[in-house]
Structure formats: C-alpha cells, structure tokens
C-alpha cells in the first residue's frame, strides 16, 4: 500500500485489529476481503494486524470478517 493509505490506517487504528491483542509494532496491512478474491486496496477494506495474527489468519487459525471499524474475529 502507498504511504498515504498506510498513514490513514495508522490514524484510524493504532494497534492490531484483533480484539485483546494491543500490539503496535510491525503491523501488517491486511485486506479484509482478500486481494486475490477481488478485494480492493482501499481504506474501507484494510485493517492493521500484528504479524502473529496475520500468519494465524492466513494459516486458517482465525477468520477476520466485517467492516474494518467493526471486525468479527473468529477461531476456526
């Protein structure tokens, strides 16, 4: 993502989007609707997640769905 979009993400969400995590360092921009599935690279489809939760999601351990400002995170 570009620098401007990254700054907007950090302003909206200064920590990992997974409830209870609170991590603030090394956050990854994550497409809620995956880019490979046609998800746009825009603020309305992006959240910041810590490296641990990003890996866990892509390995099938959790799902991240919903609006970026009101996410649903579910164990799988």
PDB file of N, CA and C in Angstrom:
ATOM      1  N   UNK A   1       0.851  -1.189   0.000  1.00  0.00           N
ATOM      2  CA  UNK A   1       0.000   0.000   0.000  1.00  0.00           C
ATOM      3  C   UNK A   1       0.886   1.238   0.000  1.00  0.00           C
ATOM      4  N   UNK A   2       0.334   2.335  -0.467  1.00  0.00           N
ATOM      5  CA  UNK A   2       1.147   3.547  -0.521  1.00  0.00           C
ATOM      6  C   UNK A   2       1.221   4.220   0.856  1.00  0.00           C
ATOM      7  N   UNK A   3       2.130   5.148   0.966  1.00  0.00           N
ATOM      8  CA  UNK A   3       2.408   5.815   2.242  1.00  0.00           C
ATOM      9  C   UNK A   3       1.172   6.548   2.786  1.00  0.00           C
ATOM     10  N   UNK A   4       0.438   7.199   1.909  1.00  0.00           N
ATOM     11  CA  UNK A   4      -0.744   7.955   2.340  1.00  0.00           C
ATOM     12  C   UNK A   4      -1.811   7.030   2.935  1.00  0.00           C
ATOM     13  N   UNK A   5      -2.036   5.900   2.291  1.00  0.00           N
ATOM     14  CA  UNK A   5      -3.011   4.935   2.784  1.00  0.00           C
ATOM     15  C   UNK A   5      -2.540   4.321   4.105  1.00  0.00           C
ATOM     16  N   UNK A   6      -1.265   4.043   4.205  1.00  0.00           N
ATOM     17  CA  UNK A   6      -0.708   3.496   5.447  1.00  0.00           C
ATOM     18  C   UNK A   6      -0.920   4.463   6.607  1.00  0.00           C
ATOM     19  N   UNK A   7      -0.664   5.746   6.368  1.00  0.00           N
ATOM     20  CA  UNK A   7      -0.863   6.749   7.419  1.00  0.00           C
ATOM     21  C   UNK A   7      -2.329   6.818   7.847  1.00  0.00           C
ATOM     22  N   UNK A   8      -3.225   6.739   6.881  1.00  0.00           N
ATOM     23  CA  UNK A   8      -4.658   6.763   7.198  1.00  0.00           C
ATOM     24  C   UNK A   8      -5.040   5.545   8.046  1.00  0.00           C
ATOM     25  N   UNK A   9      -4.494   4.386   7.710  1.00  0.00           N
ATOM     26  CA  UNK A   9      -4.739   3.174   8.502  1.00  0.00           C
ATOM     27  C   UNK A   9      -4.228   3.338   9.929  1.00  0.00           C
ATOM     28  N   UNK A  10      -3.006   3.835  10.070  1.00  0.00           N
ATOM     29  CA  UNK A  10      -2.412   4.016  11.396  1.00  0.00           C
ATOM     30  C   UNK A  10      -3.180   5.039  12.222  1.00  0.00           C
ATOM     31  N   UNK A  11      -3.726   6.055  11.561  1.00  0.00           N
ATOM     32  CA  UNK A  11      -4.519   7.063  12.270  1.00  0.00           C
ATOM     33  C   UNK A  11      -5.830   6.448  12.767  1.00  0.00           C
ATOM     34  N   UNK A  12      -6.481   5.664  11.920  1.00  0.00           N
ATOM     35  CA  UNK A  12      -7.756   5.038  12.280  1.00  0.00           C
ATOM     36  C   UNK A  12      -7.572   3.956  13.338  1.00  0.00           C
ATOM     37  N   UNK A  13      -6.459   3.225  13.234  1.00  0.00           N
ATOM     38  CA  UNK A  13      -6.277   2.040  14.062  1.00  0.00           C
ATOM     39  C   UNK A  13      -4.814   1.918  14.463  1.00  0.00           C
ATOM     40  N   UNK A  14      -4.437   2.411  15.630  1.00  0.00           N
ATOM     41  CA  UNK A  14      -3.027   2.403  16.030  1.00  0.00           C
ATOM     42  C   UNK A  14      -2.495   1.071  16.561  1.00  0.00           C
ATOM     43  N   UNK A  15      -3.367   0.054  16.675  1.00  0.00           N
ATOM     44  CA  UNK A  15      -2.910  -1.244  17.182  1.00  0.00           C
ATOM     45  C   UNK A  15      -3.575  -2.373  16.395  1.00  0.00           C
ATOM     46  N   UNK A  16      -3.141  -3.593  16.667  1.00  0.00           N
ATOM     47  CA  UNK A  16      -3.677  -4.775  15.985  1.00  0.00           C
ATOM     48  C   UNK A  16      -5.200  -4.807  16.090  1.00  0.00           C
ATOM     49  N   UNK A  17      -5.855  -5.116  14.985  1.00  0.00           N
ATOM     50  CA  UNK A  17      -7.320  -5.128  14.923  1.00  0.00           C
ATOM     51  C   UNK A  17      -7.956  -6.283  15.687  1.00  0.00           C
ATOM     52  N   UNK A  18      -7.174  -7.287  16.039  1.00  0.00           N
ATOM     53  CA  UNK A  18      -7.733  -8.434  16.762  1.00  0.00           C
ATOM     54  C   UNK A  18      -8.015  -8.013  18.206  1.00  0.00           C
ATOM     55  N   UNK A  19      -9.266  -8.127  18.641  1.00  0.00           N
ATOM     56  CA  UNK A  19      -9.624  -7.713  19.999  1.00  0.00           C
ATOM     57  C   UNK A  19      -8.738  -8.366  21.057  1.00  0.00           C
ATOM     58  N   UNK A  20      -8.270  -7.537  21.981  1.00  0.00           N
ATOM     59  CA  UNK A  20      -7.450  -8.018  23.078  1.00  0.00           C
ATOM     60  C   UNK A  20      -5.971  -8.103  22.786  1.00  0.00           C
ATOM     61  N   UNK A  21      -5.546  -7.885  21.540  1.00  0.00           N
ATOM     62  CA  UNK A  21      -4.132  -8.010  21.209  1.00  0.00           C
ATOM     63  C   UNK A  21      -3.350  -6.777  21.662  1.00  0.00           C
ATOM     64  N   UNK A  22      -3.643  -5.630  21.102  1.00  0.00           N
ATOM     65  CA  UNK A  22      -2.972  -4.402  21.515  1.00  0.00           C
ATOM     66  C   UNK A  22      -1.584  -4.169  20.955  1.00  0.00           C
ATOM     67  N   UNK A  23      -1.053  -5.078  20.136  1.00  0.00           N
ATOM     68  CA  UNK A  23       0.283  -4.886  19.557  1.00  0.00           C
ATOM     69  C   UNK A  23       0.298  -3.627  18.690  1.00  0.00           C
ATOM     70  N   UNK A  24       1.410  -2.888  18.758  1.00  0.00           N
ATOM     71  CA  UNK A  24       1.527  -1.644  17.993  1.00  0.00           C
ATOM     72  C   UNK A  24       2.733  -1.617  17.065  1.00  0.00           C
ATOM     73  N   UNK A  25       3.598  -2.597  17.136  1.00  0.00           N
ATOM     74  CA  UNK A  25       4.820  -2.600  16.322  1.00  0.00           C
ATOM     75  C   UNK A  25       4.750  -3.631  15.207  1.00  0.00           C
ATOM     76  N   UNK A  26       5.307  -3.264  14.066  1.00  0.00           N
ATOM     77  CA  UNK A  26       5.423  -4.192  12.948  1.00  0.00           C
ATOM     78  C   UNK A  26       4.100  -4.625  12.352  1.00  0.00           C
ATOM     79  N   UNK A  27       3.081  -3.785  12.452  1.00  0.00           N
ATOM     80  CA  UNK A  27       1.751  -4.167  11.979  1.00  0.00           C
ATOM     81  C   UNK A  27       1.713  -4.328  10.465  1.00  0.00           C
ATOM     82  N   UNK A  28       0.954  -5.318  10.012  1.00  0.00           N
ATOM     83  CA  UNK A  28       0.785  -5.605   8.584  1.00  0.00           C
ATOM     84  C   UNK A  28      -0.569  -5.080   8.127  1.00  0.00           C
ATOM     85  N   UNK A  29      -0.602  -4.506   6.936  1.00  0.00           N
ATOM     86  CA  UNK A  29      -1.879  -4.126   6.331  1.00  0.00           C
ATOM     87  C   UNK A  29      -2.507  -5.400   5.772  1.00  0.00           C
ATOM     88  N   UNK A  30      -3.744  -5.652   6.143  1.00  0.00           N
ATOM     89  CA  UNK A  30      -4.442  -6.872   5.726  1.00  0.00           C
ATOM     90  C   UNK A  30      -5.737  -6.508   5.023  1.00  0.00           C
ATOM     91  N   UNK A  31      -5.970  -7.120   3.866  1.00  0.00           N
ATOM     92  CA  UNK A  31      -7.229  -6.950   3.139  1.00  0.00           C
ATOM     93  C   UNK A  31      -8.302  -7.804   3.817  1.00  0.00           C
ATOM     94  N   UNK A  32      -9.392  -7.197   4.266  1.00  0.00           N
ATOM     95  CA  UNK A  32     -10.479  -7.965   4.875  1.00  0.00           C
ATOM     96  C   UNK A  32     -11.071  -8.901   3.824  1.00  0.00           C
ATOM     97  N   UNK A  33     -11.434  -8.357   2.687  1.00  0.00           N
ATOM     98  CA  UNK A  33     -11.773  -9.203   1.534  1.00  0.00           C
ATOM     99  C   UNK A  33     -10.478  -9.328   0.752  1.00  0.00           C
ATOM    100  N   UNK A  34      -9.933 -10.516   0.715  1.00  0.00           N
ATOM    101  CA  UNK A  34      -8.597 -10.729   0.157  1.00  0.00           C
ATOM    102  C   UNK A  34      -8.439 -10.160  -1.244  1.00  0.00           C
ATOM    103  N   UNK A  35      -7.288  -9.609  -1.493  1.00  0.00           N
ATOM    104  CA  UNK A  35      -6.943  -9.019  -2.786  1.00  0.00           C
ATOM    105  C   UNK A  35      -7.112 -10.046  -3.900  1.00  0.00           C
ATOM    106  N   UNK A  36      -6.699 -11.289  -3.633  1.00  0.00           N
ATOM    107  CA  UNK A  36      -6.806 -12.359  -4.632  1.00  0.00           C
ATOM    108  C   UNK A  36      -8.257 -12.648  -5.014  1.00  0.00           C
ATOM    109  N   UNK A  37      -9.177 -12.309  -4.118  1.00  0.00           N
ATOM    110  CA  UNK A  37     -10.602 -12.531  -4.361  1.00  0.00           C
ATOM    111  C   UNK A  37     -11.303 -11.267  -4.848  1.00  0.00           C
ATOM    112  N   UNK A  38     -10.519 -10.297  -5.289  1.00  0.00           N
ATOM    113  CA  UNK A  38     -11.088  -9.061  -5.811  1.00  0.00           C
ATOM    114  C   UNK A  38     -11.260  -7.957  -4.794  1.00  0.00           C
ATOM    115  N   UNK A  39     -10.718  -8.146  -3.606  1.00  0.00           N
ATOM    116  CA  UNK A  39     -10.820  -7.109  -2.580  1.00  0.00           C
ATOM    117  C   UNK A  39      -9.979  -5.899  -2.939  1.00  0.00           C
ATOM    118  N   UNK A  40     -10.558  -4.711  -2.855  1.00  0.00           N
ATOM    119  CA  UNK A  40      -9.825  -3.506  -3.235  1.00  0.00           C
ATOM    120  C   UNK A  40      -8.784  -3.096  -2.196  1.00  0.00           C
ATOM    121  N   UNK A  41      -7.748  -2.446  -2.657  1.00  0.00           N
ATOM    122  CA  UNK A  41      -6.736  -1.892  -1.762  1.00  0.00           C
ATOM    123  C   UNK A  41      -7.152  -0.462  -1.457  1.00  0.00           C
ATOM    124  N   UNK A  42      -8.094  -0.353  -0.524  1.00  0.00           N
ATOM    125  CA  UNK A  42      -8.591   0.951  -0.097  1.00  0.00           C
ATOM    126  C   UNK A  42      -8.919   0.875   1.387  1.00  0.00           C
ATOM    127  N   UNK A  43      -8.975   2.019   2.017  1.00  0.00           N
ATOM    128  CA  UNK A  43      -9.146   2.095   3.461  1.00  0.00           C
ATOM    129  C   UNK A  43     -10.344   1.282   3.954  1.00  0.00           C
ATOM    130  N   UNK A  44     -11.421   1.277   3.200  1.00  0.00           N
ATOM    131  CA  UNK A  44     -12.636   0.565   3.606  1.00  0.00           C
ATOM    132  C   UNK A  44     -12.482  -0.954   3.605  1.00  0.00           C
ATOM    133  N   UNK A  45     -11.360  -1.475   3.094  1.00  0.00           N
ATOM    134  CA  UNK A  45     -11.143  -2.922   3.040  1.00  0.00           C
ATOM    135  C   UNK A  45      -9.839  -3.340   3.718  1.00  0.00           C
ATOM    136  N   UNK A  46      -9.225  -2.443   4.470  1.00  0.00           N
ATOM    137  CA  UNK A  46      -7.936  -2.743   5.086  1.00  0.00           C
ATOM    138  C   UNK A  46      -7.986  -2.579   6.600  1.00  0.00           C
ATOM    139  N   UNK A  47      -7.235  -3.428   7.283  1.00  0.00           N
ATOM    140  CA  UNK A  47      -7.023  -3.308   8.723  1.00  0.00           C
ATOM    141  C   UNK A  47      -5.549  -3.586   8.994  1.00  0.00           C
ATOM    142  N   UNK A  48      -5.093  -3.171  10.159  1.00  0.00           N
ATOM    143  CA  UNK A  48      -3.732  -3.489  10.584  1.00  0.00           C
ATOM    144  C   UNK A  48      -3.786  -4.632  11.583  1.00  0.00           C
ATOM    145  N   UNK A  49      -2.951  -5.630  11.366  1.00  0.00           N
ATOM    146  CA  UNK A  49      -2.856  -6.760  12.286  1.00  0.00           C
ATOM    147  C   UNK A  49      -1.385  -7.033  12.581  1.00  0.00           C
ATOM    148  N   UNK A  50      -1.127  -7.558  13.764  1.00  0.00           N
ATOM    149  CA  UNK A  50       0.248  -7.898  14.126  1.00  0.00           C
ATOM    150  C   UNK A  50       0.696  -9.101  13.288  1.00  0.00           C
ATOM    151  N   UNK A  51       1.998  -9.303  13.172  1.00  0.00           N
ATOM    152  CA  UNK A  51       2.496 -10.431  12.379  1.00  0.00           C
ATOM    153  C   UNK A  51       1.933 -11.787  12.837  1.00  0.00           C
ATOM    154  N   UNK A  52       1.782 -11.968  14.148  1.00  0.00           N
ATOM    155  CA  UNK A  52       1.262 -13.237  14.661  1.00  0.00           C
ATOM    156  C   UNK A  52      -0.156 -13.500  14.148  1.00  0.00           C
ATOM    157  N   UNK A  53      -1.043 -12.523  14.309  1.00  0.00           N
ATOM    158  CA  UNK A  53      -2.430 -12.725  13.882  1.00  0.00           C
ATOM    159  C   UNK A  53      -2.565 -12.769  12.365  1.00  0.00           C
ATOM    160  N   UNK A  54      -1.688 -12.068  11.650  1.00  0.00           N
ATOM    161  CA  UNK A  54      -1.719 -12.130  10.190  1.00  0.00           C
ATOM    162  C   UNK A  54      -1.382 -13.545   9.720  1.00  0.00           C
ATOM    163  N   UNK A  55      -0.315 -14.123  10.276  1.00  0.00           N
ATOM    164  CA  UNK A  55       0.058 -15.507   9.937  1.00  0.00           C
ATOM    165  C   UNK A  55      -1.045 -16.482  10.335  1.00  0.00           C
ATOM    166  N   UNK A  56      -1.565 -16.297  11.543  1.00  0.00           N
ATOM    167  CA  UNK A  56      -2.609 -17.191  12.041  1.00  0.00           C
ATOM    168  C   UNK A  56      -3.821 -17.175  11.112  1.00  0.00           C
ATOM    169  N   UNK A  57      -4.203 -16.006  10.646  1.00  0.00           N
ATOM    170  CA  UNK A  57      -5.339 -15.895   9.724  1.00  0.00           C
ATOM    171  C   UNK A  57      -5.048 -16.622   8.409  1.00  0.00           C
ATOM    172  N   UNK A  58      -3.888 -16.356   7.817  1.00  0.00           N
ATOM    173  CA  UNK A  58      -3.579 -16.959   6.522  1.00  0.00           C
ATOM    174  C   UNK A  58      -3.289 -18.458   6.613  1.00  0.00           C
ATOM    175  N   UNK A  59      -3.044 -18.953   7.818  1.00  0.00           N
ATOM    176  CA  UNK A  59      -2.881 -20.405   8.018  1.00  0.00           C
ATOM    177  C   UNK A  59      -4.190 -21.072   8.418  1.00  0.00           C
ATOM    178  N   UNK A  60      -5.266 -20.294   8.474  1.00  0.00           N
ATOM    179  CA  UNK A  60      -6.575 -20.860   8.767  1.00  0.00           C
ATOM    180  C   UNK A  60      -6.949 -20.937  10.232  1.00  0.00           C
ATOM    181  N   UNK A  61      -6.186 -20.311  11.104  1.00  0.00           N
ATOM    182  CA  UNK A  61      -6.463 -20.373  12.540  1.00  0.00           C
ATOM    183  C   UNK A  61      -7.563 -19.442  13.012  1.00  0.00           C
ATOM    184  N   UNK A  62      -7.737 -18.319  12.318  1.00  0.00           N
ATOM    185  CA  UNK A  62      -8.806 -17.379  12.638  1.00  0.00           C
ATOM    186  C   UNK A  62      -9.378 -16.822  11.340  1.00  0.00           C
ATOM    187  N   UNK A  63     -10.614 -16.353  11.409  1.00  0.00           N
ATOM    188  CA  UNK A  63     -11.191 -15.617  10.288  1.00  0.00           C
ATOM    189  C   UNK A  63     -11.341 -14.164  10.722  1.00  0.00           C
ATOM    190  N   UNK A  64     -11.166 -13.268   9.777  1.00  0.00           N
ATOM    191  CA  UNK A  64     -11.326 -11.836  10.012  1.00  0.00           C
ATOM    192  C   UNK A  64     -12.330 -11.352   8.980  1.00  0.00           C
ATOM    193  N   UNK A  65     -13.502 -10.929   9.440  1.00  0.00           N
ATOM    194  CA  UNK A  65     -14.566 -10.516   8.526  1.00  0.00           C
ATOM    195  C   UNK A  65     -15.228  -9.239   9.033  1.00  0.00           C
ATOM    196  N   UNK A  66     -16.035  -8.649   8.169  1.00  0.00           N
ATOM    197  CA  UNK A  66     -16.829  -7.492   8.554  1.00  0.00           C
ATOM    198  C   UNK A  66     -16.228  -6.179   8.115  1.00  0.00           C
ATOM    199  N   UNK A  67     -16.840  -5.128   8.574  1.00  0.00           N
ATOM    200  CA  UNK A  67     -16.389  -3.772   8.306  1.00  0.00           C
ATOM    201  C   UNK A  67     -15.104  -3.518   9.098  1.00  0.00           C
ATOM    202  N   UNK A  68     -14.111  -2.880   8.504  1.00  0.00           N
ATOM    203  CA  UNK A  68     -12.849  -2.654   9.206  1.00  0.00           C
ATOM    204  C   UNK A  68     -12.973  -1.933  10.548  1.00  0.00           C
ATOM    205  N   UNK A  69     -14.026  -1.150  10.739  1.00  0.00           N
ATOM    206  CA  UNK A  69     -14.182  -0.467  12.026  1.00  0.00           C
ATOM    207  C   UNK A  69     -14.982  -1.293  13.035  1.00  0.00           C
ATOM    208  N   UNK A  70     -15.572  -2.413  12.603  1.00  0.00           N
ATOM    209  CA  UNK A  70     -16.330  -3.314  13.480  1.00  0.00           C
ATOM    210  C   UNK A  70     -16.099  -4.759  13.033  1.00  0.00           C
ATOM    211  N   UNK A  71     -14.879  -5.229  13.220  1.00  0.00           N
ATOM    212  CA  UNK A  71     -14.497  -6.562  12.742  1.00  0.00           C
ATOM    213  C   UNK A  71     -15.082  -7.680  13.587  1.00  0.00           C
ATOM    214  N   UNK A  72     -15.213  -8.828  12.941  1.00  0.00           N
ATOM    215  CA  UNK A  72     -15.530 -10.063  13.639  1.00  0.00           C
ATOM    216  C   UNK A  72     -14.335 -10.984  13.452  1.00  0.00           C
ATOM    217  N   UNK A  73     -13.741 -11.406  14.556  1.00  0.00           N
ATOM    218  CA  UNK A  73     -12.602 -12.324  14.519  1.00  0.00           C
ATOM    219  C   UNK A  73     -13.053 -13.607  15.205  1.00  0.00           C
ATOM    220  N   UNK A  74     -12.937 -14.716  14.469  1.00  0.00           N
ATOM    221  CA  UNK A  74     -13.443 -16.000  14.953  1.00  0.00           C
ATOM    222  C   UNK A  74     -12.358 -17.057  14.865  1.00  0.00           C
ATOM    223  N   UNK A  75     -12.225 -17.859  15.927  1.00  0.00           N
ATOM    224  CA  UNK A  75     -11.329 -19.022  15.867  1.00  0.00           C
ATOM    225  C   UNK A  75     -11.942 -20.049  14.931  1.00  0.00           C
ATOM    226  N   UNK A  76     -11.063 -20.732  14.161  1.00  0.00           N
ATOM    227  CA  UNK A  76     -11.582 -21.763  13.255  1.00  0.00           C
ATOM    228  C   UNK A  76     -11.221 -23.140  13.746  1.00  0.00           C
TER     229      UNK A  76
END
